[in-house]
Amino acid sequence: GETVVKETARIAVLNS
């Protein structure tokens, strides 16, 4: 994604 914060949050969910 273009927004780093949103992208980081998405990855965190995938890694949870």
Protein backbone atom coordinates (compact mmCIF):
# COMPACT_ATOMS: atom_id res chain seq x y z
CA GLY A 1 0.00 0.00 0.00
CA GLU A 2 0.95 3.64 -0.28
CA THR A 3 0.44 4.41 3.41
CA VAL A 4 3.28 2.95 5.46
CA VAL A 5 1.26 2.91 8.67
CA LYS A 6 -1.64 1.02 7.12
CA GLU A 7 0.73 -1.37 5.38
CA THR A 8 2.56 -2.06 8.65
CA ALA A 9 -0.74 -2.66 10.44
CA ARG A 10 -1.81 -5.09 7.72
CA ILE A 11 1.44 -7.05 8.01
CA ALA A 12 1.06 -7.16 11.79
CA VAL A 13 -2.35 -8.79 11.36
CA LEU A 14 -0.92 -11.35 8.95
CA ASN A 15 1.85 -12.19 11.39
CA SER A 16 -0.41 -12.41 14.44
